Amino acid sequence: MLVMGHPIALFDTFPRLMVSNADGVEVEESVPAPIPGPADHLGEDASALYSKIPDDGTAVSNKSVRVALGWESEETADRYFSTRDSLEDAGLVARGRGRGGTIRRVLDEVAAETEQSPAEAETPDEVADSLRREHDLYEPLHRVIRSEWARVNRSSPLAVEITAHQGRRATGIWARPDIVSVEIRAFDHVPGKFLEVRTFEVKPSDGINVQAVYEALAHRRAATHSYVLLHVPTDKRGDLEAAVAELCEVARGHGIGVITVENPEDYDTWEEREVAVRAEPDPEYLDAFLGSQLSDTAQRKIRLALR
């Protein structure tokens, strides 16, 4: 497109700014568009509220945020709390205790505290290799969980999904399990329908330690059963037995199930070392967990089954 002999880029939407160059001549300069914030897609109110919350995860009171926004009046209470709720539903903030209630940002990544000395710490290449090995386990374990494992455990899951592949999708305050299985159960003599949510934390042979139990325990806040799935190849069983035994002892005290797997694709090599004790998660936590972890298809199946 030409105007007065000059081409105009139809899709150049950057704002323009008149500045003086070294010779004192005014020229147009393109101003890059601002990088969207994580809450921008929720609207101006959500973006404004999110900007008033410390970015280091520190909790602040609802009152202080309302004052900072100029929404401290009773007339703006609904505006504040509905906006806050939309941020929580999107997994961007979490509520907390404190006078008048508190709110904090949910950080994308939380660095795990370790007690490794520099000599013991894994190199970036070692970490990458371990992650690759773990990711290689997801598909075969997923297939067995939805087939042989479900059949043996008299389970008829509506959905079994690998949730570890969500990347940077906002998952809220929920620690992200590697695999999730969801089932609706009904009984002959007990009224109602019961939602069974099982989470699985997968660990390769070089990642077997008690930290896996605490990761599974974080899932249990919004699941009925939580498991640790440990890959223990035949040629490493002897070397890993002490670590597996220690992990099982810790898991037993928290009601976390432990399953060891020699060949991820062969259920005959799976062994349930510890039984997962059923928990009763808070319905609000459970609902938010399913909404953040599962695909839209799985969520629709659950809603239809619960009608």
Protein backbone atom coordinates (compact mmCIF):
# COMPACT_ATOMS: atom_id res chain seq x y z
CA MET A 1 0.00 0.00 0.00
CA LEU A 2 1.38 3.45 -0.96
CA VAL A 3 0.51 6.84 0.52
CA MET A 4 2.29 9.92 -0.91
CA GLY A 5 4.81 7.56 -2.49
CA HIS A 6 5.81 5.92 0.81
CA PRO A 7 5.09 2.28 1.68
CA ILE A 8 3.07 1.61 4.83
CA ALA A 9 3.38 -1.72 6.62
CA LEU A 10 -0.16 -2.87 7.25
CA PHE A 11 0.80 -4.98 10.22
CA ASP A 12 3.24 -2.63 11.91
CA THR A 13 1.27 -1.84 15.03
CA PHE A 14 4.16 -0.53 17.16
CA PRO A 15 3.56 3.04 18.39
CA ARG A 16 5.75 5.78 16.88
CA LEU A 17 7.81 8.37 18.74
CA MET A 18 9.43 11.49 17.29
CA VAL A 19 13.04 11.80 18.45
CA SER A 20 16.01 13.90 17.37
CA ASN A 21 18.98 12.17 15.78
CA ALA A 22 22.65 13.15 16.13
CA ASP A 23 22.19 15.91 13.56
CA GLY A 24 19.23 17.42 15.40
CA VAL A 25 16.75 16.19 12.81
CA GLU A 26 13.49 14.79 14.12
CA VAL A 27 12.83 11.22 12.98
CA GLU A 28 10.24 8.61 13.78
CA GLU A 29 11.32 5.78 16.02
CA SER A 30 9.42 2.59 16.63
CA VAL A 31 8.60 1.87 20.27
CA PRO A 32 8.41 -1.88 21.00
CA ALA A 33 5.10 -3.04 22.35
CA PRO A 34 5.17 -3.92 26.06
CA ILE A 35 5.54 -7.60 26.93
CA PRO A 36 2.17 -8.95 28.11
CA GLY A 37 1.96 -9.81 31.80
CA PRO A 38 0.66 -13.18 33.00
CA ALA A 39 -2.67 -11.66 34.08
CA ASP A 40 -3.25 -9.39 31.09
CA HIS A 41 -5.52 -11.90 29.34
CA LEU A 42 -7.93 -11.69 32.30
CA GLY A 43 -8.57 -7.98 31.85
CA GLU A 44 -7.40 -4.64 33.18
CA ASP A 45 -8.65 -5.19 36.73
CA ALA A 46 -6.85 -8.53 37.02
CA SER A 47 -3.65 -7.07 35.60
CA ALA A 48 -3.83 -4.12 38.01
CA LEU A 49 -4.47 -6.30 41.04
CA TYR A 50 -1.71 -8.76 40.07
CA SER A 51 0.77 -5.88 39.77
CA LYS A 52 0.15 -4.91 43.42
CA ILE A 53 1.23 -8.32 44.74
CA PRO A 54 4.96 -8.83 45.43
CA ASP A 55 6.66 -10.81 42.67
CA ASP A 56 8.78 -12.82 45.11
CA GLY A 57 5.85 -14.81 46.50
CA THR A 58 5.51 -12.77 49.70
CA ALA A 59 1.96 -12.74 51.07
CA VAL A 60 0.17 -9.42 51.58
CA SER A 61 -3.17 -8.67 53.15
CA ASN A 62 -6.32 -8.21 51.10
CA LYS A 63 -6.77 -4.86 52.79
CA SER A 64 -3.36 -3.52 51.73
CA VAL A 65 -3.94 -4.57 48.12
CA ARG A 66 -7.39 -2.94 48.09
CA VAL A 67 -5.91 0.29 49.48
CA ALA A 68 -3.14 0.22 46.87
CA LEU A 69 -5.76 -0.15 44.14
CA GLY A 70 -8.11 2.44 45.60
CA TRP A 71 -10.77 -0.27 46.01
CA GLU A 72 -11.06 -0.12 49.80
CA SER A 73 -14.66 1.08 49.88
CA GLU A 74 -17.57 -1.29 50.46
CA GLU A 75 -18.87 -0.46 46.97
CA THR A 76 -15.71 -1.89 45.38
CA ALA A 77 -15.52 -5.02 47.57
CA ASP A 78 -17.23 -7.22 44.98
CA ARG A 79 -14.95 -5.85 42.29
CA TYR A 80 -11.86 -6.77 44.30
CA PHE A 81 -12.91 -10.25 45.38
CA SER A 82 -14.29 -11.30 41.98
CA THR A 83 -11.04 -10.16 40.38
CA ARG A 84 -8.98 -11.93 43.02
CA ASP A 85 -11.02 -15.11 42.47
CA SER A 86 -10.40 -14.97 38.71
CA LEU A 87 -6.66 -14.78 39.37
CA GLU A 88 -6.87 -17.73 41.75
CA ASP A 89 -8.89 -19.76 39.24
CA ALA A 90 -6.21 -19.04 36.64
CA GLY A 91 -3.57 -20.39 39.01
CA LEU A 92 -1.77 -17.06 39.37
CA VAL A 93 -2.42 -16.31 43.05
CA ALA A 94 -3.14 -18.23 46.23
CA ARG A 95 -5.09 -17.22 49.30
CA GLY A 96 -3.60 -17.51 52.77
CA ARG A 97 -4.36 -17.04 56.41
CA GLY A 98 -3.84 -13.83 58.29
CA ARG A 99 -5.85 -10.88 59.52
CA GLY A 100 -8.49 -10.21 56.89
CA GLY A 101 -6.96 -12.90 54.67
CA THR A 102 -3.83 -12.71 52.56
CA ILE A 103 -2.89 -13.21 48.94
CA ARG A 104 0.38 -14.09 47.23
CA ARG A 105 1.64 -14.83 43.76
CA VAL A 106 2.11 -18.44 42.72
CA LEU A 107 5.64 -18.62 41.39
CA ASP A 108 6.24 -20.61 38.19
CA GLU A 109 9.22 -22.46 39.50
CA VAL A 110 10.16 -23.18 43.09
CA ALA A 111 13.78 -24.11 43.62
CA ALA A 112 14.04 -27.32 45.62
CA GLU A 113 16.24 -26.97 48.66
CA THR A 114 18.97 -29.59 48.77
CA GLU A 115 21.84 -30.35 51.08
CA GLN A 116 24.21 -31.40 48.33
CA SER A 117 27.78 -30.22 48.57
CA PRO A 118 29.38 -28.81 45.40
CA ALA A 119 31.14 -32.12 44.86
CA GLU A 120 27.86 -34.04 45.08
CA ALA A 121 25.74 -31.65 43.01
CA GLU A 122 24.65 -32.87 39.61
CA THR A 123 25.99 -31.15 36.54
CA PRO A 124 23.52 -29.63 34.03
CA ASP A 125 24.22 -32.54 31.66
CA GLU A 126 23.47 -35.08 34.39
CA VAL A 127 20.21 -33.32 35.26
CA ALA A 128 19.20 -33.24 31.59
CA ASP A 129 19.99 -36.95 31.17
CA SER A 130 17.91 -37.79 34.25
CA LEU A 131 14.96 -35.76 32.98
CA ARG A 132 15.16 -37.48 29.60
CA ARG A 133 15.11 -40.87 31.30
CA GLU A 134 12.08 -39.85 33.35
CA HIS A 135 10.23 -38.52 30.30
CA ASP A 136 10.93 -41.78 28.45
CA LEU A 137 9.01 -43.61 31.19
CA TYR A 138 5.77 -41.62 30.91
CA GLU A 139 4.25 -43.20 27.81
CA PRO A 140 4.76 -46.88 28.70
CA LEU A 141 3.65 -46.31 32.31
CA HIS A 142 0.60 -44.39 31.08
CA ARG A 143 -0.40 -47.26 28.79
CA VAL A 144 -0.12 -49.85 31.56
CA ILE A 145 -1.99 -47.73 34.14
CA ARG A 146 -4.99 -47.33 31.85
CA SER A 147 -5.02 -51.02 30.86
CA GLU A 148 -3.52 -53.82 32.98
CA TRP A 149 -3.14 -51.81 36.19
CA ALA A 150 -6.74 -50.58 35.98
CA ARG A 151 -8.06 -54.07 35.22
CA VAL A 152 -6.19 -55.71 38.11
CA ASN A 153 -7.37 -53.00 40.51
CA ARG A 154 -10.99 -53.20 39.30
CA SER A 155 -10.80 -49.62 38.14
CA SER A 156 -12.68 -48.15 35.16
CA PRO A 157 -11.04 -44.75 34.66
CA LEU A 158 -12.78 -42.05 32.70
CA ALA A 159 -9.41 -40.57 31.87
CA VAL A 160 -5.74 -41.34 32.38
CA GLU A 161 -3.52 -38.46 31.29
CA ILE A 162 0.13 -37.52 31.31
CA THR A 163 0.12 -34.16 33.04
CA ALA A 164 3.90 -33.70 33.20
CA HIS A 165 3.92 -32.35 29.62
CA GLN A 166 1.99 -29.19 30.46
CA GLY A 167 5.11 -27.04 30.22
CA ARG A 168 4.55 -23.57 31.68
CA ARG A 169 0.79 -23.89 31.79
CA ALA A 170 -0.47 -22.23 34.95
CA THR A 171 -1.30 -24.97 37.40
CA GLY A 172 -1.91 -22.85 40.41
CA ILE A 173 -0.88 -23.96 43.84
CA TRP A 174 -1.00 -27.60 42.82
CA ALA A 175 2.26 -29.47 42.48
CA ARG A 176 2.05 -31.07 39.05
CA PRO A 177 1.84 -34.88 39.05
CA ASP A 178 3.32 -36.83 36.16
CA ILE A 179 0.23 -38.97 35.51
CA VAL A 180 -3.38 -38.62 36.73
CA SER A 181 -6.17 -41.21 36.64
CA VAL A 182 -9.81 -40.26 37.32
CA GLU A 183 -12.71 -42.62 37.97
CA ILE A 184 -16.33 -42.28 39.10
CA ARG A 185 -17.44 -45.10 41.40
CA ALA A 186 -20.87 -46.14 42.66
CA PHE A 187 -21.82 -48.81 45.19
CA ASP A 188 -24.83 -51.05 45.72
CA HIS A 189 -25.58 -50.02 49.30
CA VAL A 190 -24.07 -46.54 49.54
CA PRO A 191 -25.89 -43.66 47.85
CA GLY A 192 -24.19 -41.22 45.54
CA LYS A 193 -21.24 -41.17 43.17
CA PHE A 194 -17.65 -41.06 44.34
CA LEU A 195 -14.81 -39.35 42.51
CA GLU A 196 -11.52 -41.24 42.70
CA VAL A 197 -8.44 -39.28 41.67
CA ARG A 198 -5.10 -41.10 41.60
CA THR A 199 -1.83 -39.28 41.04
CA PHE A 200 1.50 -40.81 40.09
CA GLU A 201 4.95 -39.31 40.66
CA VAL A 202 7.45 -41.04 38.36
CA LYS A 203 11.10 -41.46 39.27
CA PRO A 204 13.87 -43.04 37.16
CA SER A 205 16.45 -45.28 38.78
CA ASP A 206 18.83 -42.39 39.45
CA GLY A 207 16.10 -40.29 41.09
CA ILE A 208 15.01 -42.62 43.88
CA ASN A 209 15.06 -40.84 47.23
CA VAL A 210 12.60 -39.77 49.93
CA GLN A 211 11.99 -36.42 48.22
CA ALA A 212 9.68 -38.31 45.84
CA VAL A 213 7.36 -39.08 48.77
CA TYR A 214 7.01 -35.41 49.65
CA GLU A 215 6.24 -34.55 46.02
CA ALA A 216 3.49 -37.19 46.04
CA LEU A 217 2.29 -35.86 49.39
CA ALA A 218 1.78 -32.43 47.79
CA HIS A 219 -0.50 -34.08 45.20
CA ARG A 220 -2.49 -35.81 47.93
CA ARG A 221 -3.96 -32.50 49.03
CA ALA A 222 -6.26 -32.71 46.01
CA ALA A 223 -6.31 -36.45 45.24
CA THR A 224 -7.84 -39.51 46.86
CA HIS A 225 -4.76 -41.70 46.28
CA SER A 226 -1.17 -40.72 45.54
CA TYR A 227 1.61 -43.03 44.39
CA VAL A 228 5.31 -42.96 43.69
CA LEU A 229 6.28 -45.04 40.64
CA LEU A 230 9.93 -46.13 40.81
CA HIS A 231 11.83 -47.57 37.87
CA VAL A 232 14.08 -50.29 39.32
CA PRO A 233 15.73 -52.19 36.44
CA THR A 234 16.64 -55.82 37.11
CA ASP A 235 20.39 -55.16 36.99
CA LYS A 236 20.09 -52.41 39.62
CA ARG A 237 17.73 -54.04 42.14
CA GLY A 238 20.44 -54.91 44.62
CA ASP A 239 22.09 -51.50 44.50
CA LEU A 240 18.78 -49.65 44.87
CA GLU A 241 17.10 -51.79 47.53
CA ALA A 242 18.33 -49.73 50.49
CA ALA A 243 17.07 -46.48 48.91
CA VAL A 244 13.73 -48.09 48.00
CA ALA A 245 13.30 -49.50 51.52
CA GLU A 246 13.97 -46.08 53.08
CA LEU A 247 11.51 -44.44 50.69
CA CYS A 248 8.86 -47.07 51.51
CA GLU A 249 9.25 -46.46 55.24
CA VAL A 250 8.65 -42.74 54.81
CA ALA A 251 5.76 -43.33 52.39
CA ARG A 252 4.06 -45.71 54.82
CA GLY A 253 3.92 -43.01 57.46
CA HIS A 254 2.12 -40.64 55.07
CA GLY A 255 -0.24 -43.03 53.31
CA ILE A 256 1.59 -42.74 49.99
CA GLY A 257 1.58 -45.78 47.72
CA VAL A 258 4.84 -47.10 46.29
CA ILE A 259 5.12 -49.20 43.14
CA THR A 260 8.41 -50.50 41.77
CA VAL A 261 8.69 -51.31 38.08
CA GLU A 262 11.38 -53.37 36.39
CA ASN A 263 10.04 -53.12 32.83
CA PRO A 264 7.63 -50.18 32.39
CA GLU A 265 5.82 -51.97 29.55
CA ASP A 266 5.31 -55.29 31.37
CA TYR A 267 2.81 -55.20 34.25
CA ASP A 268 4.07 -58.58 35.48
CA THR A 269 7.22 -56.76 36.64
CA TRP A 270 5.26 -54.16 38.65
CA GLU A 271 5.19 -54.62 42.43
CA GLU A 272 3.08 -52.64 44.89
CA ARG A 273 5.40 -52.16 47.85
CA GLU A 274 3.14 -49.80 49.81
CA VAL A 275 -0.64 -49.34 49.61
CA ALA A 276 -1.97 -45.84 48.97
CA VAL A 277 -4.36 -44.88 51.77
CA ARG A 278 -7.52 -43.15 50.57
CA ALA A 279 -7.78 -39.47 51.48
CA GLU A 280 -10.77 -37.12 51.40
CA PRO A 281 -9.56 -33.91 49.76
CA ASP A 282 -11.38 -30.64 50.22
CA PRO A 283 -13.91 -30.39 47.33
CA GLU A 284 -12.70 -26.89 46.46
CA TYR A 285 -9.09 -28.06 46.17
CA LEU A 286 -10.17 -31.12 44.19
CA ASP A 287 -12.23 -29.07 41.76
CA ALA A 288 -9.40 -26.59 41.16
CA PHE A 289 -6.92 -29.44 40.75
CA LEU A 290 -8.98 -31.15 38.04
CA GLY A 291 -9.63 -27.85 36.30
CA SER A 292 -5.91 -27.05 36.12
CA GLN A 293 -4.46 -30.51 35.45
CA LEU A 294 -6.78 -32.27 33.02
CA SER A 295 -7.63 -31.68 29.39
CA ASP A 296 -10.95 -30.12 28.39
CA THR A 297 -12.06 -33.51 27.06
CA ALA A 298 -11.42 -35.22 30.39
CA GLN A 299 -13.21 -32.45 32.28
CA ARG A 300 -16.28 -32.83 30.06
CA LYS A 301 -16.34 -36.58 30.69
CA ILE A 302 -16.25 -36.00 34.44
CA ARG A 303 -19.08 -33.46 34.34
CA LEU A 304 -21.27 -35.80 32.28
CA ALA A 305 -20.56 -38.78 34.55
CA LEU A 306 -21.45 -36.82 37.68
CA ARG A 307 -24.85 -35.66 36.37
